[in-house]
N, C-alpha and C. Protein backbone atom coordinates (compact mmCIF):
# COMPACT_ATOMS: atom_id res chain seq x y z
N MET A 1 108.32 99.17 81.61
CA MET A 1 108.48 98.38 82.90
C MET A 1 109.06 99.34 84.13
N PRO A 2 108.38 99.09 85.20
CA PRO A 2 108.71 99.98 86.25
C PRO A 2 110.10 99.65 86.90
N ASN A 3 111.01 100.66 87.21
CA ASN A 3 112.14 100.33 87.86
C ASN A 3 112.16 100.27 89.30
N LYS A 4 113.37 99.93 89.84
CA LYS A 4 113.31 99.68 91.37
C LYS A 4 112.84 100.99 92.10
N LYS A 5 113.19 102.18 91.67
CA LYS A 5 112.82 103.33 92.54
C LYS A 5 111.34 103.48 92.49
N HIS A 6 110.63 103.21 91.52
CA HIS A 6 109.20 103.15 91.35
C HIS A 6 108.55 102.17 92.21
N LEU A 7 109.07 100.89 92.20
CA LEU A 7 108.60 99.82 93.06
C LEU A 7 108.78 100.27 94.41
N ARG A 8 109.86 100.92 94.82
CA ARG A 8 110.16 101.19 96.26
C ARG A 8 109.13 102.33 96.72
N ILE A 9 109.00 103.21 95.83
CA ILE A 9 108.04 104.28 96.22
C ILE A 9 106.46 103.64 96.44
N PHE A 10 106.27 102.76 95.61
CA PHE A 10 104.94 102.14 95.53
C PHE A 10 104.76 101.30 96.93
N LYS A 11 105.93 100.65 97.14
CA LYS A 11 105.83 99.64 98.31
C LYS A 11 105.73 100.29 99.76
N PHE A 12 106.22 101.63 99.80
CA PHE A 12 106.06 102.33 100.96
C PHE A 12 104.95 103.29 101.15
N TRP A 13 104.42 103.77 99.96
CA TRP A 13 103.38 104.69 100.00
C TRP A 13 102.15 104.01 99.97
N LEU A 14 101.96 102.70 99.40
CA LEU A 14 100.62 102.09 99.33
C LEU A 14 99.89 101.84 100.67
N PRO A 15 100.75 101.34 101.79
CA PRO A 15 100.06 101.32 103.07
C PRO A 15 99.49 102.66 103.42
N VAL A 16 100.13 103.90 103.18
CA VAL A 16 99.67 105.10 103.66
C VAL A 16 98.31 105.30 102.97
N PHE A 17 98.17 105.20 101.64
CA PHE A 17 96.92 105.38 100.98
C PHE A 17 95.80 104.32 101.28
N ILE A 18 96.22 103.17 101.68
CA ILE A 18 95.27 102.28 102.09
C ILE A 18 94.72 102.60 103.57
N CYS A 19 95.64 103.02 104.36
CA CYS A 19 95.05 103.28 105.76
C CYS A 19 94.31 104.64 105.74
N ALA A 20 94.65 105.70 104.88
CA ALA A 20 93.81 106.90 104.84
C ALA A 20 92.49 106.49 104.16
N SER A 21 92.61 105.68 103.14
CA SER A 21 91.16 105.27 102.59
C SER A 21 90.39 104.50 103.61
N GLY A 22 90.99 103.57 104.38
CA GLY A 22 90.12 103.01 105.59
C GLY A 22 89.56 103.90 106.47
N ILE A 23 90.25 105.03 106.96
CA ILE A 23 89.85 106.00 107.79
C ILE A 23 88.82 106.77 107.12
N PHE A 24 88.91 107.20 105.87
CA PHE A 24 87.78 107.88 105.11
C PHE A 24 86.52 107.00 105.12
N TYR A 25 86.75 105.70 104.75
CA TYR A 25 85.38 104.96 104.69
C TYR A 25 84.77 104.78 105.92
N PHE A 26 85.48 104.47 106.97
CA PHE A 26 84.86 104.20 108.39
C PHE A 26 84.32 105.53 108.88
N SER A 27 84.98 106.52 108.51
CA SER A 27 84.41 107.99 109.01
C SER A 27 83.17 108.43 108.21
N SER A 28 83.01 107.86 107.18
CA SER A 28 81.72 108.14 106.42
C SER A 28 80.38 107.35 106.80
N LEU A 29 80.66 106.31 107.57
CA LEU A 29 79.60 105.53 108.03
C LEU A 29 78.82 106.26 109.02
N PRO A 30 77.43 106.08 108.98
CA PRO A 30 76.69 106.63 110.12
C PRO A 30 76.92 106.12 111.28
N GLY A 31 76.91 106.79 112.45
CA GLY A 31 77.23 106.34 113.79
C GLY A 31 76.24 105.25 114.28
N THR A 32 75.11 105.12 113.75
CA THR A 32 74.01 104.29 114.15
C THR A 32 74.26 102.94 113.61
N ARG A 33 75.05 102.84 112.55
CA ARG A 33 75.34 101.50 112.08
C ARG A 33 76.60 100.72 112.62
N ILE A 34 77.18 101.43 113.55
CA ILE A 34 78.30 100.88 114.29
C ILE A 34 77.95 100.50 115.63
N PRO A 35 77.96 99.22 116.04
CA PRO A 35 77.69 98.81 117.59
C PRO A 35 78.73 99.19 118.40
N ASN A 36 78.30 99.66 119.55
CA ASN A 36 79.34 100.09 120.59
C ASN A 36 79.89 98.75 121.37
N LEU A 37 81.15 98.69 121.45
CA LEU A 37 81.80 97.65 122.08
C LEU A 37 82.09 97.91 123.58
N PHE A 38 82.55 99.08 123.84
CA PHE A 38 83.03 99.47 125.23
C PHE A 38 82.86 101.01 125.16
N LEU A 39 83.06 101.55 126.55
CA LEU A 39 82.95 103.01 126.72
C LEU A 39 84.16 103.69 126.09
N HIS A 40 83.80 104.79 125.50
CA HIS A 40 84.86 105.66 124.78
C HIS A 40 85.57 104.90 123.66
N GLU A 41 85.05 103.96 123.10
CA GLU A 41 85.73 103.35 122.11
C GLU A 41 86.05 104.18 120.87
N ASP A 42 85.23 105.24 120.68
CA ASP A 42 85.55 106.08 119.46
C ASP A 42 87.04 106.75 119.55
N ILE A 43 87.17 107.19 120.85
CA ILE A 43 88.57 107.85 121.10
C ILE A 43 89.61 106.86 120.95
N VAL A 44 89.44 105.67 121.35
CA VAL A 44 90.61 104.63 121.31
C VAL A 44 90.73 104.34 119.80
N PHE A 45 89.72 104.02 119.11
CA PHE A 45 89.87 103.75 117.69
C PHE A 45 90.43 104.95 116.81
N HIS A 46 90.03 106.13 117.06
CA HIS A 46 90.61 107.22 116.46
C HIS A 46 92.11 107.27 116.79
N PHE A 47 92.47 107.02 118.03
CA PHE A 47 93.88 107.18 118.46
C PHE A 47 94.69 106.13 117.51
N PHE A 48 94.24 104.97 117.55
CA PHE A 48 95.04 103.78 116.84
C PHE A 48 94.94 103.90 115.34
N ALA A 49 93.85 104.50 114.79
CA ALA A 49 93.82 104.59 113.31
C ALA A 49 94.81 105.78 112.95
N TYR A 50 94.78 106.84 113.61
CA TYR A 50 95.68 107.91 113.18
C TYR A 50 97.18 107.63 113.58
N LEU A 51 97.36 106.88 114.64
CA LEU A 51 98.68 106.40 114.93
C LEU A 51 99.24 105.52 113.78
N THR A 52 98.44 104.53 113.42
CA THR A 52 98.95 103.74 112.38
C THR A 52 99.20 104.64 111.14
N LEU A 53 98.27 105.45 110.80
CA LEU A 53 98.53 106.30 109.59
C LEU A 53 99.83 107.14 109.81
N ALA A 54 100.16 107.59 110.93
CA ALA A 54 101.21 108.53 111.14
C ALA A 54 102.53 107.50 111.06
N LEU A 55 102.51 106.41 111.53
CA LEU A 55 103.67 105.48 111.33
C LEU A 55 103.95 105.07 109.92
N PHE A 56 103.00 104.84 109.13
CA PHE A 56 103.09 104.33 107.81
C PHE A 56 103.62 105.74 107.12
N PHE A 57 103.14 106.91 107.22
CA PHE A 57 103.52 108.15 106.75
C PHE A 57 104.89 108.28 106.99
N SER A 58 105.55 108.26 108.27
CA SER A 58 106.76 108.52 108.62
C SER A 58 107.80 107.45 108.11
N ARG A 59 107.32 106.19 107.92
CA ARG A 59 108.09 105.09 107.24
C ARG A 59 108.19 105.54 105.90
N ALA A 60 107.25 105.74 105.13
CA ALA A 60 107.28 106.17 103.67
C ALA A 60 108.13 107.42 103.45
N LEU A 61 108.15 108.44 104.34
CA LEU A 61 109.06 109.51 104.10
C LEU A 61 110.44 109.17 104.41
N LYS A 62 110.65 108.37 105.37
CA LYS A 62 112.07 107.96 105.72
C LYS A 62 112.74 107.07 104.61
N ASN A 63 111.92 106.32 103.97
CA ASN A 63 112.44 105.29 103.15
C ASN A 63 112.48 105.54 101.63
N THR A 64 111.70 106.72 101.14
CA THR A 64 111.69 107.09 99.96
C THR A 64 112.23 108.55 99.75
N SER A 65 113.21 108.77 98.95
CA SER A 65 113.92 110.18 98.77
C SER A 65 113.06 110.89 97.91
N LEU A 66 112.13 111.59 98.48
CA LEU A 66 111.45 112.38 97.66
C LEU A 66 111.72 113.87 98.01
N GLY A 67 112.93 114.18 98.58
CA GLY A 67 113.40 115.42 98.88
C GLY A 67 112.79 116.07 100.27
N ILE A 68 111.96 115.33 101.02
CA ILE A 68 111.38 115.86 102.19
C ILE A 68 111.63 114.79 103.37
N SER A 69 112.43 113.78 103.21
CA SER A 69 112.53 112.70 104.09
C SER A 69 113.18 113.26 105.31
N GLY A 70 113.74 114.45 105.40
CA GLY A 70 114.43 114.97 106.61
C GLY A 70 113.43 115.68 107.47
N ILE A 71 112.33 115.96 106.95
CA ILE A 71 111.32 116.68 107.74
C ILE A 71 110.69 115.85 108.80
N LYS A 72 110.64 116.37 110.08
CA LYS A 72 110.12 115.62 111.15
C LYS A 72 108.49 116.19 111.23
N ILE A 73 107.48 115.23 111.31
CA ILE A 73 106.16 115.68 111.36
C ILE A 73 105.72 115.37 113.00
N VAL A 74 105.25 116.30 113.44
CA VAL A 74 104.75 116.12 114.79
C VAL A 74 103.29 116.11 114.82
């Protein structure tokens, strides 16, 4: 039976892996299959996708004591 520490790690790191998997999936799609919605949408989508990943990653590092929580990632 998992203890509270394992559940805590799972709770904070699962969004990181889901977000990274989503970025990987959408990055693997050919550009011709994705309709354009507005000008420079790829830049905007990349910005928000990686911002979300960075926020989840920062949150996971801050809330789980894996020995590297004090490191600031820029």
